[in-house]
Protein backbone atom coordinates (compact mmCIF):
# COMPACT_ATOMS: atom_id res chain seq x y z
CA MET A 1 124.78 272.29 91.39
CA LEU A 2 122.88 274.67 89.14
CA VAL A 3 125.98 275.29 87.04
CA GLY A 4 126.44 271.53 86.71
CA MET A 5 122.82 271.04 85.67
CA ALA A 6 123.13 273.78 83.06
CA LEU A 7 126.34 272.27 81.68
CA PHE A 8 124.64 268.89 81.51
CA LYS A 9 121.69 270.35 79.61
CA LEU A 10 124.12 272.06 77.21
CA GLY A 11 125.82 268.71 76.48
CA VAL A 12 129.16 269.66 78.01
CA PHE A 13 129.46 266.36 79.92
CA SER A 14 128.83 264.22 76.85
CA ALA A 15 132.28 264.98 75.36
CA ARG A 16 130.46 266.02 72.17
CA ARG A 17 131.27 269.72 72.40
CA SER A 18 134.25 271.21 70.63
CA ALA A 19 137.77 270.65 71.87
CA LYS A 20 138.15 274.45 71.74
CA LEU A 21 135.51 274.83 74.47
CA TYR A 22 137.21 272.25 76.68
CA TRP A 23 140.62 273.86 76.17
CA GLY A 24 139.00 277.17 77.07
CA PHE A 25 137.84 275.69 80.37
CA ILE A 26 141.38 274.53 81.10
CA VAL A 27 142.91 277.92 80.23
CA VAL A 28 140.41 279.78 82.46
CA ALA A 29 141.17 277.36 85.32
CA LEU A 30 144.91 277.84 84.96
CA LEU A 31 144.98 281.59 84.32
CA VAL A 32 142.11 282.76 86.54
CA GLY A 33 140.92 280.05 88.97
CA ILE A 34 144.22 278.80 90.36
CA PRO A 35 145.77 282.29 90.78
CA ILE A 36 142.68 283.48 92.71
CA ILE A 37 142.87 280.44 95.00
CA ALA A 38 146.61 280.97 95.45
CA TYR A 39 145.97 284.60 96.37
CA GLY A 40 143.38 283.61 98.96
CA THR A 41 145.77 281.04 100.44
CA HIS A 42 148.54 283.67 100.49
CA ARG A 43 146.22 286.01 102.43
CA ASP A 44 145.52 283.20 104.91
CA PHE A 45 149.23 282.75 105.53
CA THR A 46 149.86 286.50 105.89
CA THR A 47 147.11 286.83 108.50
CA GLY A 48 148.34 283.77 110.38
CA TRP A 49 145.18 281.87 109.50
CA ASN A 50 143.11 284.21 111.66
CA VAL A 51 139.79 282.39 112.03
CA ARG A 52 137.55 285.39 111.37
CA GLN A 53 139.59 286.60 108.39
CA SER A 54 140.10 283.12 106.87
CA PHE A 55 136.60 281.79 107.43
CA PHE A 56 134.57 284.83 106.47
CA PHE A 57 136.72 286.61 103.89
CA ASP A 58 139.66 284.68 102.48
CA TYR A 59 137.57 281.53 102.08
CA GLN A 60 135.58 283.33 99.39
CA TYR A 61 138.56 283.29 97.03
CA ASN A 62 138.71 279.51 97.13
CA TYR A 63 134.94 279.07 97.11
CA TRP A 64 134.24 281.01 93.91
CA ALA A 65 137.44 280.19 92.05
CA SER A 66 136.97 276.47 92.70
CA ILE A 67 134.09 276.59 90.19
CA LEU A 68 136.56 277.74 87.54
CA VAL A 69 139.08 275.07 88.53
CA SER A 70 136.40 272.37 88.40
CA LEU A 71 135.54 273.51 84.87
CA GLY A 72 139.21 273.01 84.02
CA TRP A 73 138.97 269.45 85.28
CA VAL A 74 135.80 268.94 83.25
CA GLY A 75 137.66 270.18 80.18
CA ALA A 76 140.59 267.83 80.81
CA VAL A 77 138.36 264.80 81.37
CA MET A 78 136.25 265.53 78.29
CA LEU A 79 139.39 265.92 76.15
CA VAL A 80 140.58 262.52 77.35
CA CYS A 81 137.16 261.07 76.51
CA GLN A 82 137.46 262.50 72.99
CA SER A 83 140.97 261.12 72.49
CA PRO A 84 142.24 257.60 71.79
CA LEU A 85 143.11 257.49 75.50
CA ASN A 86 139.43 256.97 76.30
CA ARG A 87 140.14 253.23 76.70
CA LEU A 88 142.03 254.17 79.85
CA THR A 89 138.87 255.63 81.33
CA ARG A 90 137.05 252.28 81.52
CA PRO A 91 138.34 251.39 84.99
CA ILE A 92 137.41 254.88 86.18
CA ALA A 93 133.92 254.45 84.70
CA ALA A 94 133.58 251.15 86.58
CA VAL A 95 134.52 252.87 89.84
CA GLY A 96 131.89 255.51 89.06
CA ARG A 97 129.24 252.87 88.41
CA MET A 98 130.00 251.53 91.88
CA ALA A 99 130.34 254.93 93.58
CA PHE A 100 128.09 254.15 96.56
CA THR A 101 129.80 250.80 97.23
CA ASN A 102 133.25 252.35 96.85
CA TYR A 103 132.30 255.21 99.16
CA VAL A 104 131.23 252.78 101.87
CA LEU A 105 134.36 250.68 101.28
CA ASP A 106 136.55 253.81 101.57
CA THR A 107 134.86 254.67 104.83
CA LEU A 108 135.40 251.19 106.26
CA ILE A 109 139.05 251.08 105.17
CA CYS A 110 139.89 254.57 106.45
CA THR A 111 138.09 254.20 109.77
CA SER A 112 139.88 250.89 110.25
CA ILE A 113 143.22 252.56 109.59
CA PHE A 114 142.72 255.81 111.48
CA TYR A 115 140.17 255.23 114.27
CA GLY A 116 140.81 253.62 117.64
CA PHE A 117 138.92 250.39 116.91
CA GLY A 118 141.39 249.77 114.07
CA LEU A 119 145.02 250.75 113.85
CA GLY A 120 144.42 254.12 115.55
CA LEU A 121 146.73 256.07 113.25
CA PHE A 122 144.74 259.33 113.30
CA GLY A 123 147.18 262.22 113.70
CA ARG A 124 150.16 259.87 113.44
CA THR A 125 150.65 259.79 109.67
CA SER A 126 152.44 262.33 107.52
CA ARG A 127 150.87 263.90 104.45
CA THR A 128 153.03 261.64 102.30
CA GLN A 129 151.76 258.55 104.10
CA GLN A 130 148.17 259.79 103.73
CA ILE A 131 148.72 260.20 99.99
CA GLY A 132 150.01 256.62 99.95
CA VAL A 133 146.78 255.43 101.59
CA VAL A 134 144.70 257.32 99.03
CA LEU A 135 146.69 255.92 96.10
CA ALA A 136 146.47 252.37 97.48
CA ILE A 137 142.69 252.65 97.86
CA TRP A 138 142.38 254.06 94.33
CA MET A 139 144.45 251.21 92.92
CA VAL A 140 142.25 248.63 94.65
CA GLN A 141 139.12 250.32 93.32
CA LEU A 142 140.49 250.60 89.78
CA VAL A 143 141.32 246.88 89.76
CA VAL A 144 138.38 245.41 91.68
CA SER A 145 135.48 247.47 90.25
CA PRO A 146 135.89 246.38 86.59
CA ILE A 147 136.29 242.76 87.68
CA TRP A 148 133.15 242.96 89.83
CA LEU A 149 131.14 244.46 86.98
CA ARG A 150 132.07 241.58 84.68
CA TYR A 151 129.91 239.32 86.85
CA PHE A 152 127.37 241.70 88.38
CA GLN A 153 125.28 244.57 86.98
CA PHE A 154 125.75 246.78 90.02
CA GLY A 155 127.83 247.13 93.13
CA PRO A 156 126.14 245.62 96.20
CA PHE A 157 125.01 248.99 97.61
CA GLU A 158 123.84 250.23 94.20
CA TRP A 159 121.78 247.05 93.85
CA LEU A 160 120.29 247.50 97.32
CA TRP A 161 119.54 251.18 96.66
CA ARG A 162 117.82 250.41 93.35
CA SER A 163 115.82 247.56 94.86
CA LEU A 164 114.62 249.81 97.68
CA THR A 165 113.92 252.72 95.34
CA TYR A 166 111.75 250.70 92.97
CA TRP A 167 110.36 248.41 95.71
CA LYS A 168 111.29 245.52 93.44
CA HIS A 169 114.12 243.02 93.54
CA GLN A 170 116.59 244.07 90.85
CA GLN A 171 118.57 241.54 88.86
CA PHE A 172 122.02 241.41 90.43
CA ARG A 173 124.00 239.05 88.24
CA ALA A 174 125.17 240.27 84.87
CA ARG A 175 122.90 239.20 82.05
CA TYR A 176 125.86 237.88 80.16
CA TYR A 177 129.45 237.21 81.03
CA SER A 178 131.86 239.63 79.43
CA ALA A 179 135.45 238.51 79.02
CA LYS A 180 136.32 242.09 78.07
CA PRO A 181 136.99 244.57 80.84
CA ILE A 182 134.19 247.07 81.34
């Protein structure tokens, strides 16, 4: 969190820094972060995923190197934001503006699919099927969130959270109707 706060203060998340910096993040992620994580995973496999070894020692490879890999993702996202492809990020931005609502929706969907009160598919789906569920949920969010935000300023849970935070009823409907996607 402290690294993220520092990067924010340095303007890294504004996509206003040089492309060279963002490419540097990607290179460090690919050449240092991912190999360290792969090495830690290799050690886990060679020790048969021994709990003590994996949890206390080999986990450290993934823990620290994941910071470098996340910087690589930051670099990739910021490069997209700087490019003409930034139009493609609008649906993703809408999902982000409705993060709380989408989180709750994800939870309801997945518990309905995997828990006993729903379809009860926990432990019965392959990794490929699980990826299919994730992709389907993402597609729904990428389509529904921008449409919702055409008519409303916030997602329902974001509105509720803001109203409770400020102890004041927040305007829910959009101030103006936008025919353009957000």
